[in-house]
Amino acid sequence: VQPGGSLRLSCAASGRTFSSYTMGWFRQAPGKEREFVAAI
């Protein structure tokens, strides 16, 4: 995507207990450590 643009990521989970989990998004750029992005 170009700078200023938008994307929507999805994460589909299997299992009946998904609704009881806290969920997070992380990211890792080349040469960098993985970092926390968001949680719900």
PDB file of all heavy atoms in Angstrom:
ATOM      1  N   VAL A   1       0.850  -1.189   0.000  1.00  0.00           N
ATOM      2  CA  VAL A   1       0.000   0.000   0.000  1.00  0.00           C
ATOM      3  C   VAL A   1       0.885   1.237   0.000  1.00  0.00           C
ATOM      4  O   VAL A   1       2.009   1.213   0.530  1.00  0.00           O
ATOM      5  CB  VAL A   1      -0.943  -0.021   1.228  1.00  0.00           C
ATOM      6  CG1 VAL A   1      -0.159   0.017   2.533  1.00  0.00           C
ATOM      7  CG2 VAL A   1      -1.970   1.088   1.165  1.00  0.00           C
ATOM      8  N   GLN A   2       0.382   2.308  -0.591  1.00  0.00           N
ATOM      9  CA  GLN A   2       1.132   3.558  -0.612  1.00  0.00           C
ATOM     10  C   GLN A   2       1.036   4.270   0.732  1.00  0.00           C
ATOM     11  O   GLN A   2       0.062   4.074   1.480  1.00  0.00           O
ATOM     12  CB  GLN A   2       0.600   4.462  -1.723  1.00  0.00           C
ATOM     13  CG  GLN A   2       0.865   3.943  -3.116  1.00  0.00           C
ATOM     14  CD  GLN A   2       0.448   4.941  -4.187  1.00  0.00           C
ATOM     15  OE1 GLN A   2      -0.334   5.856  -3.933  1.00  0.00           O
ATOM     16  NE2 GLN A   2       0.996   4.777  -5.381  1.00  0.00           N
ATOM     17  N   PRO A   3       2.015   5.091   1.047  1.00  0.00           N
ATOM     18  CA  PRO A   3       1.912   5.895   2.274  1.00  0.00           C
ATOM     19  C   PRO A   3       0.608   6.687   2.306  1.00  0.00           C
ATOM     20  O   PRO A   3       0.185   7.244   1.282  1.00  0.00           O
ATOM     21  CB  PRO A   3       3.130   6.825   2.183  1.00  0.00           C
ATOM     22  CG  PRO A   3       4.109   6.045   1.369  1.00  0.00           C
ATOM     23  CD  PRO A   3       3.286   5.302   0.354  1.00  0.00           C
ATOM     24  N   GLY A   4      -0.013   6.701   3.474  1.00  0.00           N
ATOM     25  CA  GLY A   4      -1.304   7.353   3.623  1.00  0.00           C
ATOM     26  C   GLY A   4      -2.484   6.442   3.360  1.00  0.00           C
ATOM     27  O   GLY A   4      -3.634   6.820   3.640  1.00  0.00           O
ATOM     28  N   GLY A   5      -2.221   5.261   2.848  1.00  0.00           N
ATOM     29  CA  GLY A   5      -3.291   4.319   2.532  1.00  0.00           C
ATOM     30  C   GLY A   5      -3.744   3.522   3.742  1.00  0.00           C
ATOM     31  O   GLY A   5      -3.284   3.747   4.870  1.00  0.00           O
ATOM     32  N   SER A   6      -4.655   2.580   3.484  1.00  0.00           N
ATOM     33  CA  SER A   6      -5.252   1.776   4.547  1.00  0.00           C
ATOM     34  C   SER A   6      -5.222   0.299   4.191  1.00  0.00           C
ATOM     35  O   SER A   6      -5.250  -0.071   3.009  1.00  0.00           O
ATOM     36  CB  SER A   6      -6.711   2.197   4.775  1.00  0.00           C
ATOM     37  OG  SER A   6      -6.811   3.533   5.200  1.00  0.00           O
ATOM     38  N   LEU A   7      -5.181  -0.517   5.223  1.00  0.00           N
ATOM     39  CA  LEU A   7      -5.334  -1.956   5.103  1.00  0.00           C
ATOM     40  C   LEU A   7      -6.112  -2.453   6.315  1.00  0.00           C
ATOM     41  O   LEU A   7      -6.041  -1.851   7.391  1.00  0.00           O
ATOM     42  CB  LEU A   7      -3.983  -2.671   5.068  1.00  0.00           C
ATOM     43  CG  LEU A   7      -3.182  -2.671   3.767  1.00  0.00           C
ATOM     44  CD1 LEU A   7      -1.825  -3.333   4.009  1.00  0.00           C
ATOM     45  CD2 LEU A   7      -3.918  -3.379   2.654  1.00  0.00           C
ATOM     46  N   ARG A   8      -6.820  -3.554   6.110  1.00  0.00           N
ATOM     47  CA  ARG A   8      -7.514  -4.195   7.220  1.00  0.00           C
ATOM     48  C   ARG A   8      -7.030  -5.633   7.320  1.00  0.00           C
ATOM     49  O   ARG A   8      -7.251  -6.434   6.407  1.00  0.00           O
ATOM     50  CB  ARG A   8      -9.016  -4.178   7.012  1.00  0.00           C
ATOM     51  CG  ARG A   8      -9.808  -4.638   8.238  1.00  0.00           C
ATOM     52  CD  ARG A   8     -11.250  -4.859   7.905  1.00  0.00           C
ATOM     53  NE  ARG A   8     -12.092  -4.945   9.097  1.00  0.00           N
ATOM     54  CZ  ARG A   8     -13.268  -5.549   9.123  1.00  0.00           C
ATOM     55  NH1 ARG A   8     -13.753  -6.113   8.027  1.00  0.00           N
ATOM     56  NH2 ARG A   8     -13.987  -5.567  10.241  1.00  0.00           N
ATOM     57  N   LEU A   9      -6.368  -5.933   8.435  1.00  0.00           N
ATOM     58  CA  LEU A   9      -5.906  -7.284   8.680  1.00  0.00           C
ATOM     59  C   LEU A   9      -6.975  -8.067   9.430  1.00  0.00           C
ATOM     60  O   LEU A   9      -7.690  -7.508  10.272  1.00  0.00           O
ATOM     61  CB  LEU A   9      -4.623  -7.279   9.497  1.00  0.00           C
ATOM     62  CG  LEU A   9      -3.451  -6.464   8.935  1.00  0.00           C
ATOM     63  CD1 LEU A   9      -2.224  -6.653   9.826  1.00  0.00           C
ATOM     64  CD2 LEU A   9      -3.149  -6.845   7.509  1.00  0.00           C
ATOM     65  N   SER A  10      -7.063  -9.355   9.123  1.00  0.00           N
ATOM     66  CA  SER A  10      -7.964 -10.254   9.828  1.00  0.00           C
ATOM     67  C   SER A  10      -7.174 -11.415  10.401  1.00  0.00           C
ATOM     68  O   SER A  10      -6.152 -11.823   9.841  1.00  0.00           O
ATOM     69  CB  SER A  10      -9.042 -10.796   8.883  1.00  0.00           C
ATOM     70  OG  SER A  10      -9.830  -9.769   8.353  1.00  0.00           O
ATOM     71  N   CYS A  11      -7.659 -11.937  11.497  1.00  0.00           N
ATOM     72  CA  CYS A  11      -7.058 -13.111  12.117  1.00  0.00           C
ATOM     73  C   CYS A  11      -8.192 -14.053  12.493  1.00  0.00           C
ATOM     74  O   CYS A  11      -8.983 -13.747  13.400  1.00  0.00           O
ATOM     75  CB  CYS A  11      -6.247 -12.712  13.344  1.00  0.00           C
ATOM     76  SG  CYS A  11      -5.617 -14.107  14.305  1.00  0.00           S
ATOM     77  N   ALA A  12      -8.276 -15.158  11.780  1.00  0.00           N
ATOM     78  CA  ALA A  12      -9.324 -16.142  12.030  1.00  0.00           C
ATOM     79  C   ALA A  12      -8.797 -17.218  12.963  1.00  0.00           C
ATOM     80  O   ALA A  12      -7.710 -17.760  12.743  1.00  0.00           O
ATOM     81  CB  ALA A  12      -9.779 -16.762  10.714  1.00  0.00           C
ATOM     82  N   ALA A  13      -9.577 -17.519  13.980  1.00  0.00           N
ATOM     83  CA  ALA A  13      -9.154 -18.485  14.994  1.00  0.00           C
ATOM     84  C   ALA A  13     -10.041 -19.720  14.972  1.00  0.00           C
ATOM     85  O   ALA A  13     -11.259 -19.628  14.779  1.00  0.00           O
ATOM     86  CB  ALA A  13      -9.208 -17.848  16.377  1.00  0.00           C
ATOM     87  N   SER A  14      -9.422 -20.852  15.184  1.00  0.00           N
ATOM     88  CA  SER A  14     -10.171 -22.083  15.365  1.00  0.00           C
ATOM     89  C   SER A  14     -10.405 -22.294  16.848  1.00  0.00           C
ATOM     90  O   SER A  14      -9.737 -21.693  17.684  1.00  0.00           O
ATOM     91  CB  SER A  14      -9.400 -23.268  14.792  1.00  0.00           C
ATOM     92  OG  SER A  14      -8.201 -23.451  15.517  1.00  0.00           O
ATOM     93  N   GLY A  15     -11.312 -23.145  17.195  1.00  0.00           N
ATOM     94  CA  GLY A  15     -11.519 -23.455  18.601  1.00  0.00           C
ATOM     95  C   GLY A  15     -12.693 -22.727  19.214  1.00  0.00           C
ATOM     96  O   GLY A  15     -13.005 -21.602  18.832  1.00  0.00           O
ATOM     97  N   ARG A  16     -13.305 -23.367  20.187  1.00  0.00           N
ATOM     98  CA  ARG A  16     -14.522 -22.828  20.793  1.00  0.00           C
ATOM     99  C   ARG A  16     -14.251 -21.813  21.871  1.00  0.00           C
ATOM    100  O   ARG A  16     -15.158 -21.131  22.314  1.00  0.00           O
ATOM    101  CB  ARG A  16     -15.344 -23.972  21.387  1.00  0.00           C
ATOM    102  CG  ARG A  16     -15.889 -24.943  20.366  1.00  0.00           C
ATOM    103  CD  ARG A  16     -16.595 -26.092  21.047  1.00  0.00           C
ATOM    104  NE  ARG A  16     -15.670 -26.898  21.823  1.00  0.00           N
ATOM    105  CZ  ARG A  16     -16.038 -27.917  22.585  1.00  0.00           C
ATOM    106  NH1 ARG A  16     -17.324 -28.214  22.715  1.00  0.00           N
ATOM    107  NH2 ARG A  16     -15.143 -28.617  23.241  1.00  0.00           N
ATOM    108  N   THR A  17     -12.990 -21.695  22.311  1.00  0.00           N
ATOM    109  CA  THR A  17     -12.694 -20.827  23.436  1.00  0.00           C
ATOM    110  C   THR A  17     -12.123 -19.488  23.018  1.00  0.00           C
ATOM    111  O   THR A  17     -11.675 -18.719  23.852  1.00  0.00           O
ATOM    112  CB  THR A  17     -11.709 -21.516  24.393  1.00  0.00           C
ATOM    113  OG1 THR A  17     -10.566 -21.943  23.648  1.00  0.00           O
ATOM    114  CG2 THR A  17     -12.366 -22.712  25.058  1.00  0.00           C
ATOM    115  N   PHE A  18     -12.168 -19.173  21.732  1.00  0.00           N
ATOM    116  CA  PHE A  18     -11.621 -17.905  21.243  1.00  0.00           C
ATOM    117  C   PHE A  18     -12.188 -16.726  22.007  1.00  0.00           C
ATOM    118  O   PHE A  18     -11.465 -15.786  22.346  1.00  0.00           O
ATOM    119  CB  PHE A  18     -11.929 -17.767  19.750  1.00  0.00           C
ATOM    120  CG  PHE A  18     -11.664 -16.385  19.209  1.00  0.00           C
ATOM    121  CD1 PHE A  18     -10.390 -16.012  18.833  1.00  0.00           C
ATOM    122  CD2 PHE A  18     -12.695 -15.462  19.069  1.00  0.00           C
ATOM    123  CE1 PHE A  18     -10.133 -14.744  18.330  1.00  0.00           C
ATOM    124  CE2 PHE A  18     -12.461 -14.195  18.567  1.00  0.00           C
ATOM    125  CZ  PHE A  18     -11.171 -13.838  18.200  1.00  0.00           C
ATOM    126  N   SER A  19     -13.470 -16.750  22.269  1.00  0.00           N
ATOM    127  CA  SER A  19     -14.121 -15.587  22.875  1.00  0.00           C
ATOM    128  C   SER A  19     -13.623 -15.299  24.282  1.00  0.00           C
ATOM    129  O   SER A  19     -13.868 -14.224  24.809  1.00  0.00           O
ATOM    130  CB  SER A  19     -15.636 -15.780  22.890  1.00  0.00           C
ATOM    131  OG  SER A  19     -15.978 -16.922  23.651  1.00  0.00           O
ATOM    132  N   SER A  20     -12.918 -16.232  24.892  1.00  0.00           N
ATOM    133  CA  SER A  20     -12.410 -16.009  26.247  1.00  0.00           C
ATOM    134  C   SER A  20     -10.974 -15.505  26.262  1.00  0.00           C
ATOM    135  O   SER A  20     -10.429 -15.219  27.328  1.00  0.00           O
ATOM    136  CB  SER A  20     -12.508 -17.298  27.064  1.00  0.00           C
ATOM    137  OG  SER A  20     -11.624 -18.272  26.566  1.00  0.00           O
ATOM    138  N   TYR A  21     -10.341 -15.383  25.092  1.00  0.00           N
ATOM    139  CA  TYR A  21      -8.933 -14.994  25.034  1.00  0.00           C
ATOM    140  C   TYR A  21      -8.761 -13.494  24.821  1.00  0.00           C
ATOM    141  O   TYR A  21      -9.496 -12.884  24.022  1.00  0.00           O
ATOM    142  CB  TYR A  21      -8.232 -15.695  23.875  1.00  0.00           C
ATOM    143  CG  TYR A  21      -8.176 -17.203  23.955  1.00  0.00           C
ATOM    144  CD1 TYR A  21      -7.870 -17.957  22.837  1.00  0.00           C
ATOM    145  CD2 TYR A  21      -8.425 -17.878  25.151  1.00  0.00           C
ATOM    146  CE1 TYR A  21      -7.807 -19.336  22.883  1.00  0.00           C
ATOM    147  CE2 TYR A  21      -8.371 -19.268  25.196  1.00  0.00           C
ATOM    148  CZ  TYR A  21      -8.055 -19.977  24.068  1.00  0.00           C
ATOM    149  OH  TYR A  21      -8.007 -21.347  24.118  1.00  0.00           O
ATOM    150  N   THR A  22      -7.774 -12.932  25.473  1.00  0.00           N
ATOM    151  CA  THR A  22      -7.292 -11.631  25.066  1.00  0.00           C
ATOM    152  C   THR A  22      -6.488 -11.818  23.779  1.00  0.00           C
ATOM    153  O   THR A  22      -5.700 -12.754  23.666  1.00  0.00           O
ATOM    154  CB  THR A  22      -6.390 -11.021  26.153  1.00  0.00           C
ATOM    155  OG1 THR A  22      -7.175 -10.759  27.321  1.00  0.00           O
ATOM    156  CG2 THR A  22      -5.746  -9.737  25.673  1.00  0.00           C
ATOM    157  N   MET A  23      -6.693 -10.943  22.813  1.00  0.00           N
ATOM    158  CA  MET A  23      -6.020 -11.067  21.518  1.00  0.00           C
ATOM    159  C   MET A  23      -5.095  -9.877  21.295  1.00  0.00           C
ATOM    160  O   MET A  23      -5.415  -8.745  21.667  1.00  0.00           O
ATOM    161  CB  MET A  23      -7.039 -11.137  20.392  1.00  0.00           C
ATOM    162  CG  MET A  23      -7.954 -12.350  20.456  1.00  0.00           C
ATOM    163  SD  MET A  23      -7.066 -13.908  20.316  1.00  0.00           S
ATOM    164  CE  MET A  23      -6.423 -13.790  18.641  1.00  0.00           C
ATOM    165  N   GLY A  24      -3.968 -10.157  20.673  1.00  0.00           N
ATOM    166  CA  GLY A  24      -3.014  -9.096  20.391  1.00  0.00           C
ATOM    167  C   GLY A  24      -2.513  -9.147  18.965  1.00  0.00           C
ATOM    168  O   GLY A  24      -2.580 -10.194  18.305  1.00  0.00           O
ATOM    169  N   TRP A  25      -2.048  -7.996  18.490  1.00  0.00           N
ATOM    170  CA  TRP A  25      -1.324  -7.901  17.226  1.00  0.00           C
ATOM    171  C   TRP A  25       0.097  -7.448  17.519  1.00  0.00           C
ATOM    172  O   TRP A  25       0.308  -6.536  18.320  1.00  0.00           O
ATOM    173  CB  TRP A  25      -1.985  -6.902  16.288  1.00  0.00           C
ATOM    174  CG  TRP A  25      -3.234  -7.389  15.617  1.00  0.00           C
ATOM    175  CD1 TRP A  25      -4.517  -7.155  16.007  1.00  0.00           C
ATOM    176  CD2 TRP A  25      -3.327  -8.193  14.437  1.00  0.00           C
ATOM    177  NE1 TRP A  25      -5.399  -7.770  15.155  1.00  0.00           N
ATOM    178  CE2 TRP A  25      -4.687  -8.403  14.173  1.00  0.00           C
ATOM    179  CE3 TRP A  25      -2.381  -8.763  13.573  1.00  0.00           C
ATOM    180  CZ2 TRP A  25      -5.142  -9.152  13.081  1.00  0.00           C
ATOM    181  CZ3 TRP A  25      -2.825  -9.496  12.490  1.00  0.00           C
ATOM    182  CH2 TRP A  25      -4.199  -9.691  12.251  1.00  0.00           C
ATOM    183  N   PHE A  26       1.040  -8.084  16.863  1.00  0.00           N
ATOM    184  CA  PHE A  26       2.452  -7.743  16.965  1.00  0.00           C
ATOM    185  C   PHE A  26       2.990  -7.563  15.550  1.00  0.00           C
ATOM    186  O   PHE A  26       2.362  -7.966  14.575  1.00  0.00           O
ATOM    187  CB  PHE A  26       3.223  -8.859  17.674  1.00  0.00           C
ATOM    188  CG  PHE A  26       2.885  -9.013  19.130  1.00  0.00           C
ATOM    189  CD1 PHE A  26       1.703  -9.624  19.534  1.00  0.00           C
ATOM    190  CD2 PHE A  26       3.754  -8.548  20.113  1.00  0.00           C
ATOM    191  CE1 PHE A  26       1.380  -9.757  20.882  1.00  0.00           C
ATOM    192  CE2 PHE A  26       3.453  -8.693  21.458  1.00  0.00           C
ATOM    193  CZ  PHE A  26       2.267  -9.291  21.839  1.00  0.00           C
ATOM    194  N   ARG A  27       4.161  -6.974  15.444  1.00  0.00           N
ATOM    195  CA  ARG A  27       4.804  -6.857  14.139  1.00  0.00           C
ATOM    196  C   ARG A  27       6.310  -6.965  14.285  1.00  0.00           C
ATOM    197  O   ARG A  27       6.873  -6.669  15.343  1.00  0.00           O
ATOM    198  CB  ARG A  27       4.428  -5.541  13.459  1.00  0.00           C
ATOM    199  CG  ARG A  27       4.934  -4.283  14.168  1.00  0.00           C
ATOM    200  CD  ARG A  27       4.365  -3.042  13.498  1.00  0.00           C
ATOM    201  NE  ARG A  27       4.822  -1.825  14.153  1.00  0.00           N
ATOM    202  CZ  ARG A  27       4.380  -0.612  13.829  1.00  0.00           C
ATOM    203  NH1 ARG A  27       3.463  -0.458  12.842  1.00  0.00           N
ATOM    204  NH2 ARG A  27       4.845   0.458  14.460  1.00  0.00           N
ATOM    205  N   GLN A  28       6.944  -7.390  13.197  1.00  0.00           N
ATOM    206  CA  GLN A  28       8.397  -7.490  13.179  1.00  0.00           C
ATOM    207  C   GLN A  28       8.914  -7.005  11.838  1.00  0.00           C
ATOM    208  O   GLN A  28       8.582  -7.566  10.785  1.00  0.00           O
ATOM    209  CB  GLN A  28       8.859  -8.922  13.431  1.00  0.00           C
ATOM    210  CG  GLN A  28      10.361  -9.049  13.598  1.00  0.00           C
ATOM    211  CD  GLN A  28      10.778 -10.395  14.162  1.00  0.00           C
ATOM    212  OE1 GLN A  28      10.039 -11.367  14.122  1.00  0.00           O
ATOM    213  NE2 GLN A  28      11.986 -10.455  14.716  1.00  0.00           N
ATOM    214  N   ALA A  29       9.698  -5.940  11.888  1.00  0.00           N
ATOM    215  CA  ALA A  29      10.322  -5.387  10.697  1.00  0.00           C
ATOM    216  C   ALA A  29      11.677  -6.056  10.494  1.00  0.00           C
ATOM    217  O   ALA A  29      12.277  -6.570  11.440  1.00  0.00           O
ATOM    218  CB  ALA A  29      10.484  -3.885  10.858  1.00  0.00           C
ATOM    219  N   PRO A  30      12.188  -6.041   9.258  1.00  0.00           N
ATOM    220  CA  PRO A  30      13.481  -6.670   8.986  1.00  0.00           C
ATOM    221  C   PRO A  30      14.581  -6.103   9.883  1.00  0.00           C
ATOM    222  O   PRO A  30      14.725  -4.882  10.015  1.00  0.00           O
ATOM    223  CB  PRO A  30      13.730  -6.319   7.516  1.00  0.00           C
ATOM    224  CG  PRO A  30      12.374  -6.118   6.941  1.00  0.00           C
ATOM    225  CD  PRO A  30      11.554  -5.517   8.038  1.00  0.00           C
ATOM    226  N   GLY A  31      15.320  -6.983  10.507  1.00  0.00           N
ATOM    227  CA  GLY A  31      16.427  -6.562  11.352  1.00  0.00           C
ATOM    228  C   GLY A  31      16.042  -6.009  12.704  1.00  0.00           C
ATOM    229  O   GLY A  31      16.904  -5.522  13.449  1.00  0.00           O
ATOM    230  N   LYS A  32      14.755  -6.066  13.022  1.00  0.00           N
ATOM    231  CA  LYS A  32      14.290  -5.523  14.307  1.00  0.00           C
ATOM    232  C   LYS A  32      13.600  -6.609  15.125  1.00  0.00           C
ATOM    233  O   LYS A  32      13.175  -7.631  14.596  1.00  0.00           O
ATOM    234  CB  LYS A  32      13.334  -4.354  14.074  1.00  0.00           C
ATOM    235  CG  LYS A  32      13.983  -3.147  13.416  1.00  0.00           C
ATOM    236  CD  LYS A  32      13.029  -1.964  13.383  1.00  0.00           C
ATOM    237  CE  LYS A  32      13.688  -0.734  12.804  1.00  0.00           C
ATOM    238  NZ  LYS A  32      12.773   0.435  12.781  1.00  0.00           N
ATOM    239  N   GLU A  33      13.474  -6.342  16.404  1.00  0.00           N
ATOM    240  CA  GLU A  33      12.763  -7.269  17.270  1.00  0.00           C
ATOM    241  C   GLU A  33      11.261  -7.123  17.063  1.00  0.00           C
ATOM    242  O   GLU A  33      10.764  -6.070  16.657  1.00  0.00           O
ATOM    243  CB  GLU A  33      13.131  -7.006  18.736  1.00  0.00           C
ATOM    244  CG  GLU A  33      14.568  -7.322  19.081  1.00  0.00           C
ATOM    245  CD  GLU A  33      14.832  -7.215  20.570  1.00  0.00           C
ATOM    246  OE1 GLU A  33      13.948  -6.748  21.304  1.00  0.00           O
ATOM    247  OE2 GLU A  33      15.934  -7.607  20.990  1.00  0.00           O
ATOM    248  N   ARG A  34      10.571  -8.182  17.390  1.00  0.00           N
ATOM    249  CA  ARG A  34       9.112  -8.138  17.323  1.00  0.00           C
ATOM    250  C   ARG A  34       8.593  -7.129  18.353  1.00  0.00           C
ATOM    251  O   ARG A  34       9.095  -7.068  19.479  1.00  0.00           O
ATOM    252  CB  ARG A  34       8.539  -9.512  17.604  1.00  0.00           C
ATOM    253  CG  ARG A  34       7.021  -9.621  17.470  1.00  0.00           C
ATOM    254  CD  ARG A  34       6.587 -11.061  17.645  1.00  0.00           C
ATOM    255  NE  ARG A  34       6.909 -11.564  18.960  1.00  0.00           N
ATOM    256  CZ  ARG A  34       6.941 -12.859  19.275  1.00  0.00           C
ATOM    257  NH1 ARG A  34       6.682 -13.771  18.340  1.00  0.00           N
ATOM    258  NH2 ARG A  34       7.229 -13.253  20.500  1.00  0.00           N
ATOM    259  N   GLU A  35       7.591  -6.348  17.974  1.00  0.00           N
ATOM    260  CA  GLU A  35       7.042  -5.361  18.896  1.00  0.00           C
ATOM    261  C   GLU A  35       5.523  -5.485  18.979  1.00  0.00           C
ATOM    262  O   GLU A  35       4.850  -5.869  18.021  1.00  0.00           O
ATOM    263  CB  GLU A  35       7.421  -3.932  18.486  1.00  0.00           C
ATOM    264  CG  GLU A  35       6.752  -3.428  17.214  1.00  0.00           C
ATOM    265  CD  GLU A  35       6.892  -1.921  17.025  1.00  0.00           C
ATOM    266  OE1 GLU A  35       7.218  -1.198  17.994  1.00  0.00           O
ATOM    267  OE2 GLU A  35       6.650  -1.468  15.892  1.00  0.00           O
ATOM    268  N   PHE A  36       5.034  -5.138  20.128  1.00  0.00           N
ATOM    269  CA  PHE A  36       3.595  -5.115  20.374  1.00  0.00           C
ATOM    270  C   PHE A  36       2.962  -3.972  19.593  1.00  0.00           C
ATOM    271  O   PHE A  36       3.527  -2.879  19.501  1.00  0.00           O
ATOM    272  CB  PHE A  36       3.351  -4.926  21.871  1.00  0.00           C
ATOM    273  CG  PHE A  36       1.927  -4.644  22.233  1.00  0.00           C
ATOM    274  CD1 PHE A  36       1.013  -5.657  22.404  1.00  0.00           C
ATOM    275  CD2 PHE A  36       1.497  -3.321  22.418  1.00  0.00           C
ATOM    276  CE1 PHE A  36      -0.301  -5.390  22.753  1.00  0.00           C
ATOM    277  CE2 PHE A  36       0.203  -3.043  22.762  1.00  0.00           C
ATOM    278  CZ  PHE A  36      -0.709  -4.083  22.925  1.00  0.00           C
ATOM    279  N   VAL A  37       1.770  -4.210  19.045  1.00  0.00           N
ATOM    280  CA  VAL A  37       1.047  -3.173  18.316  1.00  0.00           C
ATOM    281  C   VAL A  37      -0.258  -2.815  19.033  1.00  0.00           C
ATOM    282  O   VAL A  37      -0.521  -1.642  19.304  1.00  0.00           O
ATOM    283  CB  VAL A  37       0.731  -3.622  16.875  1.00  0.00           C
ATOM    284  CG1 VAL A  37      -0.131  -2.580  16.158  1.00  0.00           C
ATOM    285  CG2 VAL A  37       2.006  -3.887  16.104  1.00  0.00           C
ATOM    286  N   ALA A  38      -1.080  -3.820  19.330  1.00  0.00           N
ATOM    287  CA  ALA A  38      -2.393  -3.546  19.912  1.00  0.00           C
ATOM    288  C   ALA A  38      -2.925  -4.811  20.577  1.00  0.00           C
ATOM    289  O   ALA A  38      -2.513  -5.919  20.240  1.00  0.00           O
ATOM    290  CB  ALA A  38      -3.377  -3.073  18.846  1.00  0.00           C
ATOM    291  N   ALA A  39      -3.854  -4.619  21.513  1.00  0.00           N
ATOM    292  CA  ALA A  39      -4.506  -5.751  22.175  1.00  0.00           C
ATOM    293  C   ALA A  39      -5.948  -5.389  22.468  1.00  0.00           C
ATOM    294  O   ALA A  39      -6.306  -4.203  22.580  1.00  0.00           O
ATOM    295  CB  ALA A  39      -3.790  -6.130  23.462  1.00  0.00           C
ATOM    296  N   ILE A  40      -6.776  -6.432  22.605  1.00  0.00           N
ATOM    297  CA  ILE A  40      -8.191  -6.238  22.891  1.00  0.00           C
ATOM    298  C   ILE A  40      -8.629  -7.294  23.895  1.00  0.00           C
ATOM    299  O   ILE A  40      -8.237  -8.459  23.808  1.00  0.00           O
ATOM    300  CB  ILE A  40      -9.027  -6.296  21.595  1.00  0.00           C
ATOM    301  CG1 ILE A  40     -10.485  -5.916  21.869  1.00  0.00           C
ATOM    302  CG2 ILE A  40      -8.928  -7.659  20.922  1.00  0.00           C
ATOM    303  CD1 ILE A  40     -11.270  -5.639  20.578  1.00  0.00           C
TER     304      ILE A  40
END
